[in-house]
Amino acid sequence: MNIELFRDYCIAKKGVTETFPFDEKTLVFKVMGKMFALCALERLPFQVNLKCNPDRAVTLREEHDGHIIPGYHMSKVHWNTLLLDQLPPDLITELIDHSYDLVISKFTKKLRTEYDALS
């Protein structure tokens, strides 16, 4: 999966915005203002950070040694860094969905109501 397909998949999700809150090289995707994906635009091979269940994060790192690593500049417990050109596209989309769903599951009642109201 290339960076454009990654971006297109993330931005198409409900309630998602993209920003550059850290610098002009790190694209951040948020759902209702909560971060679920980061993308290093100038790092080769292309790398993305995705939130992940801690137990699953360890398993993924073991199964995809060197291609999924602890989150770069993130919590090593809750984030993984993926090398996009080294992983199957269906795994990447599954992990984007997992990250997005984890963030949504932690919404406050008020935020959940706002999210549910989106079309």
N, C-alpha and C. Protein backbone atom coordinates (compact mmCIF):
# COMPACT_ATOMS: atom_id res chain seq x y z
N MET A 1 0.86 -1.18 0.00
CA MET A 1 0.00 0.00 0.00
C MET A 1 0.90 1.24 0.00
N ASN A 2 0.58 2.18 -0.85
CA ASN A 2 1.36 3.42 -0.85
C ASN A 2 0.69 4.45 0.06
N ILE A 3 1.38 5.55 0.23
CA ILE A 3 0.92 6.57 1.17
C ILE A 3 -0.39 7.22 0.73
N GLU A 4 -0.61 7.34 -0.58
CA GLU A 4 -1.85 7.93 -1.07
C GLU A 4 -3.06 7.04 -0.76
N LEU A 5 -2.89 5.74 -0.95
CA LEU A 5 -3.98 4.81 -0.62
C LEU A 5 -4.25 4.78 0.88
N PHE A 6 -3.18 4.86 1.67
CA PHE A 6 -3.34 4.92 3.13
C PHE A 6 -4.16 6.16 3.51
N ARG A 7 -3.78 7.30 2.97
CA ARG A 7 -4.49 8.55 3.26
C ARG A 7 -5.94 8.47 2.83
N ASP A 8 -6.18 8.00 1.61
CA ASP A 8 -7.55 7.90 1.10
C ASP A 8 -8.41 7.02 2.00
N TYR A 9 -7.86 5.91 2.47
CA TYR A 9 -8.61 5.00 3.32
C TYR A 9 -8.95 5.66 4.66
N CYS A 10 -7.97 6.34 5.25
CA CYS A 10 -8.19 6.99 6.54
C CYS A 10 -9.20 8.13 6.44
N ILE A 11 -9.02 9.00 5.46
CA ILE A 11 -9.86 10.20 5.37
C ILE A 11 -11.30 9.88 5.00
N ALA A 12 -11.55 8.72 4.42
CA ALA A 12 -12.91 8.33 4.03
C ALA A 12 -13.74 7.86 5.23
N LYS A 13 -13.11 7.64 6.36
CA LYS A 13 -13.84 7.14 7.53
C LYS A 13 -14.67 8.27 8.17
N LYS A 14 -15.73 7.89 8.79
CA LYS A 14 -16.67 8.84 9.41
C LYS A 14 -15.99 9.67 10.49
N GLY A 15 -16.17 11.01 10.40
CA GLY A 15 -15.69 11.92 11.44
C GLY A 15 -14.20 12.20 11.41
N VAL A 16 -13.51 11.82 10.33
CA VAL A 16 -12.05 11.95 10.29
C VAL A 16 -11.62 13.29 9.68
N THR A 17 -10.61 13.87 10.30
CA THR A 17 -9.94 15.06 9.77
C THR A 17 -8.45 14.76 9.71
N GLU A 18 -7.75 15.53 8.90
CA GLU A 18 -6.29 15.39 8.82
C GLU A 18 -5.66 16.74 9.15
N THR A 19 -4.55 16.69 9.90
CA THR A 19 -3.87 17.91 10.31
C THR A 19 -2.36 17.67 10.35
N PHE A 20 -1.64 18.76 10.54
CA PHE A 20 -0.20 18.72 10.73
C PHE A 20 0.12 19.42 12.06
N PRO A 21 -0.26 18.84 13.19
CA PRO A 21 -0.08 19.53 14.47
C PRO A 21 1.37 19.58 14.97
N PHE A 22 2.22 18.69 14.50
CA PHE A 22 3.59 18.61 15.01
C PHE A 22 4.59 19.33 14.11
N ASP A 23 4.52 19.06 12.84
CA ASP A 23 5.39 19.68 11.83
C ASP A 23 4.79 19.42 10.46
N GLU A 24 5.44 19.95 9.42
CA GLU A 24 4.90 19.81 8.07
C GLU A 24 5.20 18.46 7.44
N LYS A 25 5.87 17.58 8.18
CA LYS A 25 6.25 16.27 7.66
C LYS A 25 5.44 15.12 8.25
N THR A 26 4.63 15.41 9.26
CA THR A 26 3.89 14.36 9.95
C THR A 26 2.39 14.62 9.84
N LEU A 27 1.73 13.84 9.01
CA LEU A 27 0.30 13.95 8.80
C LEU A 27 -0.42 13.13 9.86
N VAL A 28 -1.38 13.76 10.55
CA VAL A 28 -2.11 13.12 11.64
C VAL A 28 -3.58 13.02 11.27
N PHE A 29 -4.15 11.84 11.48
CA PHE A 29 -5.57 11.61 11.26
C PHE A 29 -6.26 11.48 12.60
N LYS A 30 -7.36 12.23 12.74
CA LYS A 30 -8.12 12.22 13.98
C LYS A 30 -9.58 11.91 13.68
N VAL A 31 -10.21 11.18 14.59
CA VAL A 31 -11.65 10.98 14.53
C VAL A 31 -12.24 11.76 15.70
N MET A 32 -13.07 12.73 15.39
CA MET A 32 -13.69 13.59 16.39
C MET A 32 -12.63 14.20 17.31
N GLY A 33 -11.50 14.59 16.70
CA GLY A 33 -10.44 15.26 17.44
C GLY A 33 -9.49 14.33 18.19
N LYS A 34 -9.69 13.02 18.07
CA LYS A 34 -8.84 12.04 18.76
C LYS A 34 -7.97 11.31 17.74
N MET A 35 -6.67 11.32 17.99
CA MET A 35 -5.70 10.76 17.06
C MET A 35 -5.80 9.24 16.97
N PHE A 36 -5.81 8.73 15.72
CA PHE A 36 -5.79 7.28 15.52
C PHE A 36 -4.72 6.84 14.52
N ALA A 37 -4.13 7.77 13.77
CA ALA A 37 -3.08 7.41 12.81
C ALA A 37 -2.17 8.60 12.56
N LEU A 38 -0.90 8.31 12.39
CA LEU A 38 0.11 9.29 12.02
C LEU A 38 0.89 8.75 10.86
N CYS A 39 1.36 9.64 10.02
CA CYS A 39 2.06 9.23 8.81
C CYS A 39 3.27 10.12 8.60
N ALA A 40 4.44 9.51 8.53
CA ALA A 40 5.68 10.24 8.26
C ALA A 40 5.84 10.39 6.74
N LEU A 41 5.63 11.59 6.26
CA LEU A 41 5.59 11.81 4.80
C LEU A 41 6.96 11.77 4.14
N GLU A 42 8.01 12.07 4.86
CA GLU A 42 9.33 12.14 4.24
C GLU A 42 10.24 10.98 4.63
N ARG A 43 9.74 10.03 5.34
CA ARG A 43 10.55 8.89 5.77
C ARG A 43 10.36 7.73 4.80
N LEU A 44 11.45 7.18 4.33
CA LEU A 44 11.39 6.04 3.42
C LEU A 44 12.04 4.83 4.08
N PRO A 45 11.49 3.65 4.02
CA PRO A 45 10.18 3.40 3.41
C PRO A 45 9.09 4.09 4.21
N PHE A 46 7.93 4.28 3.57
CA PHE A 46 6.82 4.97 4.24
C PHE A 46 6.43 4.23 5.51
N GLN A 47 6.28 5.01 6.58
CA GLN A 47 5.92 4.46 7.88
C GLN A 47 4.68 5.16 8.40
N VAL A 48 3.86 4.39 9.08
CA VAL A 48 2.68 4.95 9.73
C VAL A 48 2.60 4.41 11.15
N ASN A 49 2.04 5.21 12.04
CA ASN A 49 1.79 4.77 13.41
C ASN A 49 0.29 4.59 13.58
N LEU A 50 -0.08 3.44 14.16
CA LEU A 50 -1.48 3.14 14.43
C LEU A 50 -1.63 2.67 15.86
N LYS A 51 -2.71 3.09 16.48
CA LYS A 51 -3.03 2.64 17.83
C LYS A 51 -3.37 1.15 17.78
N CYS A 52 -3.07 0.43 18.86
CA CYS A 52 -3.31 -1.01 18.86
C CYS A 52 -3.53 -1.51 20.28
N ASN A 53 -4.39 -2.50 20.41
CA ASN A 53 -4.57 -3.18 21.69
C ASN A 53 -3.20 -3.71 22.12
N PRO A 54 -2.79 -3.49 23.38
CA PRO A 54 -1.44 -3.87 23.82
C PRO A 54 -1.08 -5.34 23.57
N ASP A 55 -1.98 -6.26 23.84
CA ASP A 55 -1.67 -7.68 23.61
C ASP A 55 -1.51 -7.98 22.13
N ARG A 56 -2.38 -7.40 21.34
CA ARG A 56 -2.30 -7.62 19.90
C ARG A 56 -1.04 -6.96 19.32
N ALA A 57 -0.65 -5.83 19.88
CA ALA A 57 0.54 -5.13 19.40
C ALA A 57 1.77 -6.03 19.51
N VAL A 58 1.92 -6.70 20.63
CA VAL A 58 3.06 -7.59 20.83
C VAL A 58 3.02 -8.74 19.83
N THR A 59 1.84 -9.34 19.66
CA THR A 59 1.69 -10.45 18.73
C THR A 59 2.04 -10.02 17.30
N LEU A 60 1.54 -8.87 16.89
CA LEU A 60 1.83 -8.37 15.54
C LEU A 60 3.32 -8.14 15.34
N ARG A 61 3.99 -7.60 16.35
CA ARG A 61 5.44 -7.36 16.24
C ARG A 61 6.20 -8.66 16.09
N GLU A 62 5.73 -9.70 16.78
CA GLU A 62 6.38 -11.01 16.67
C GLU A 62 6.12 -11.65 15.31
N GLU A 63 4.89 -11.55 14.83
CA GLU A 63 4.52 -12.17 13.55
C GLU A 63 5.13 -11.45 12.35
N HIS A 64 5.37 -10.15 12.49
CA HIS A 64 5.87 -9.34 11.37
C HIS A 64 7.16 -8.64 11.80
N ASP A 65 8.09 -9.44 12.31
CA ASP A 65 9.35 -8.94 12.85
C ASP A 65 10.06 -7.99 11.88
N GLY A 66 10.31 -6.78 12.36
CA GLY A 66 10.99 -5.79 11.54
C GLY A 66 10.08 -4.97 10.66
N HIS A 67 8.86 -5.43 10.44
CA HIS A 67 7.91 -4.70 9.58
C HIS A 67 6.82 -4.02 10.41
N ILE A 68 6.59 -4.52 11.60
CA ILE A 68 5.74 -3.86 12.59
C ILE A 68 6.58 -3.77 13.85
N ILE A 69 6.82 -2.55 14.29
CA ILE A 69 7.70 -2.31 15.43
C ILE A 69 6.99 -1.42 16.45
N PRO A 70 7.53 -1.30 17.67
CA PRO A 70 6.91 -0.39 18.65
C PRO A 70 6.81 1.02 18.08
N GLY A 71 5.75 1.71 18.44
CA GLY A 71 5.47 3.03 17.89
C GLY A 71 6.61 4.02 18.02
N TYR A 72 7.06 4.55 16.89
CA TYR A 72 8.13 5.54 16.85
C TYR A 72 7.63 6.85 17.45
N HIS A 73 8.30 7.34 18.48
CA HIS A 73 7.93 8.57 19.19
C HIS A 73 6.53 8.51 19.80
N MET A 74 6.06 7.31 20.11
CA MET A 74 4.72 7.14 20.69
C MET A 74 4.84 6.17 21.87
N SER A 75 3.74 5.97 22.56
CA SER A 75 3.70 4.95 23.60
C SER A 75 3.98 3.60 22.96
N LYS A 76 4.99 2.92 23.44
CA LYS A 76 5.36 1.62 22.86
C LYS A 76 4.35 0.54 23.22
N VAL A 77 3.50 0.81 24.20
CA VAL A 77 2.47 -0.14 24.63
C VAL A 77 1.25 -0.07 23.71
N HIS A 78 0.84 1.14 23.35
CA HIS A 78 -0.42 1.34 22.65
C HIS A 78 -0.30 1.69 21.17
N TRP A 79 0.92 1.82 20.65
CA TRP A 79 1.09 2.22 19.26
C TRP A 79 2.12 1.33 18.58
N ASN A 80 1.87 1.05 17.31
CA ASN A 80 2.81 0.33 16.45
C ASN A 80 3.18 1.21 15.27
N THR A 81 4.40 1.02 14.78
CA THR A 81 4.83 1.62 13.53
C THR A 81 4.85 0.52 12.48
N LEU A 82 4.21 0.79 11.34
CA LEU A 82 4.14 -0.17 10.24
C LEU A 82 4.95 0.34 9.06
N LEU A 83 5.71 -0.53 8.44
CA LEU A 83 6.40 -0.19 7.20
C LEU A 83 5.46 -0.59 6.06
N LEU A 84 4.87 0.39 5.41
CA LEU A 84 3.78 0.13 4.46
C LEU A 84 4.16 -0.78 3.31
N ASP A 85 5.37 -0.64 2.80
CA ASP A 85 5.72 -1.43 1.62
C ASP A 85 6.10 -2.87 1.96
N GLN A 86 6.09 -3.22 3.23
CA GLN A 86 6.48 -4.57 3.66
C GLN A 86 5.30 -5.43 4.12
N LEU A 87 4.10 -4.87 4.10
CA LEU A 87 2.94 -5.57 4.65
C LEU A 87 1.82 -5.65 3.62
N PRO A 88 1.00 -6.71 3.70
CA PRO A 88 -0.13 -6.83 2.77
C PRO A 88 -1.16 -5.72 2.99
N PRO A 89 -1.71 -5.17 1.91
CA PRO A 89 -2.71 -4.10 2.05
C PRO A 89 -3.90 -4.46 2.92
N ASP A 90 -4.36 -5.72 2.87
CA ASP A 90 -5.52 -6.09 3.68
C ASP A 90 -5.18 -6.05 5.17
N LEU A 91 -3.96 -6.37 5.55
CA LEU A 91 -3.54 -6.26 6.95
C LEU A 91 -3.49 -4.80 7.37
N ILE A 92 -2.99 -3.94 6.50
CA ILE A 92 -2.90 -2.52 6.82
C ILE A 92 -4.30 -1.93 7.03
N THR A 93 -5.23 -2.23 6.14
CA THR A 93 -6.59 -1.69 6.31
C THR A 93 -7.24 -2.26 7.57
N GLU A 94 -6.98 -3.52 7.87
CA GLU A 94 -7.51 -4.11 9.11
C GLU A 94 -6.97 -3.38 10.34
N LEU A 95 -5.69 -3.03 10.31
CA LEU A 95 -5.09 -2.35 11.45
C LEU A 95 -5.51 -0.88 11.54
N ILE A 96 -5.79 -0.25 10.41
CA ILE A 96 -6.38 1.10 10.43
C ILE A 96 -7.75 1.03 11.10
N ASP A 97 -8.56 0.07 10.68
CA ASP A 97 -9.89 -0.10 11.28
C ASP A 97 -9.79 -0.37 12.78
N HIS A 98 -8.84 -1.21 13.17
CA HIS A 98 -8.65 -1.54 14.59
C HIS A 98 -8.30 -0.28 15.39
N SER A 99 -7.40 0.53 14.87
CA SER A 99 -7.00 1.76 15.54
C SER A 99 -8.19 2.72 15.67
N TYR A 100 -8.89 2.90 14.58
CA TYR A 100 -10.07 3.77 14.55
C TYR A 100 -11.12 3.29 15.56
N ASP A 101 -11.39 1.99 15.56
CA ASP A 101 -12.39 1.43 16.48
C ASP A 101 -11.97 1.56 17.95
N LEU A 102 -10.67 1.41 18.22
CA LEU A 102 -10.19 1.59 19.59
C LEU A 102 -10.46 3.01 20.09
N VAL A 103 -10.19 3.98 19.24
CA VAL A 103 -10.41 5.38 19.62
C VAL A 103 -11.89 5.65 19.84
N ILE A 104 -12.73 5.17 18.93
CA ILE A 104 -14.17 5.38 19.07
C ILE A 104 -14.71 4.72 20.34
N SER A 105 -14.17 3.59 20.70
CA SER A 105 -14.66 2.87 21.89
C SER A 105 -14.39 3.64 23.18
N LYS A 106 -13.49 4.60 23.15
CA LYS A 106 -13.15 5.39 24.34
C LYS A 106 -13.84 6.75 24.37
N PHE A 107 -14.72 7.01 23.40
CA PHE A 107 -15.44 8.29 23.37
C PHE A 107 -16.27 8.47 24.64
N THR A 108 -16.35 9.71 25.06
CA THR A 108 -17.30 10.06 26.12
C THR A 108 -18.71 9.95 25.55
N LYS A 109 -19.69 9.96 26.42
CA LYS A 109 -21.07 9.88 25.96
C LYS A 109 -21.40 11.06 25.04
N LYS A 110 -20.92 12.25 25.40
CA LYS A 110 -21.18 13.44 24.59
C LYS A 110 -20.55 13.31 23.21
N LEU A 111 -19.30 12.87 23.17
CA LEU A 111 -18.61 12.71 21.89
C LEU A 111 -19.25 11.62 21.05
N ARG A 112 -19.69 10.56 21.69
CA ARG A 112 -20.37 9.44 20.99
C ARG A 112 -21.65 9.95 20.34
N THR A 113 -22.38 10.78 21.06
CA THR A 113 -23.63 11.35 20.53
C THR A 113 -23.35 12.22 19.30
N GLU A 114 -22.30 13.03 19.38
CA GLU A 114 -21.92 13.88 18.25
C GLU A 114 -21.50 13.01 17.05
N TYR A 115 -20.73 11.98 17.34
CA TYR A 115 -20.27 11.06 16.30
C TYR A 115 -21.46 10.35 15.64
N ASP A 116 -22.37 9.86 16.44
CA ASP A 116 -23.55 9.16 15.91
C ASP A 116 -24.42 10.06 15.06
N ALA A 117 -24.39 11.37 15.33
CA ALA A 117 -25.21 12.32 14.59
C ALA A 117 -24.64 12.63 13.21
N LEU A 118 -23.39 12.28 12.98
CA LEU A 118 -22.78 12.52 11.66
C LEU A 118 -23.42 11.59 10.63
N SER A 119 -23.53 12.08 9.39
CA SER A 119 -24.10 11.22 8.35
C SER A 119 -23.04 10.50 7.57
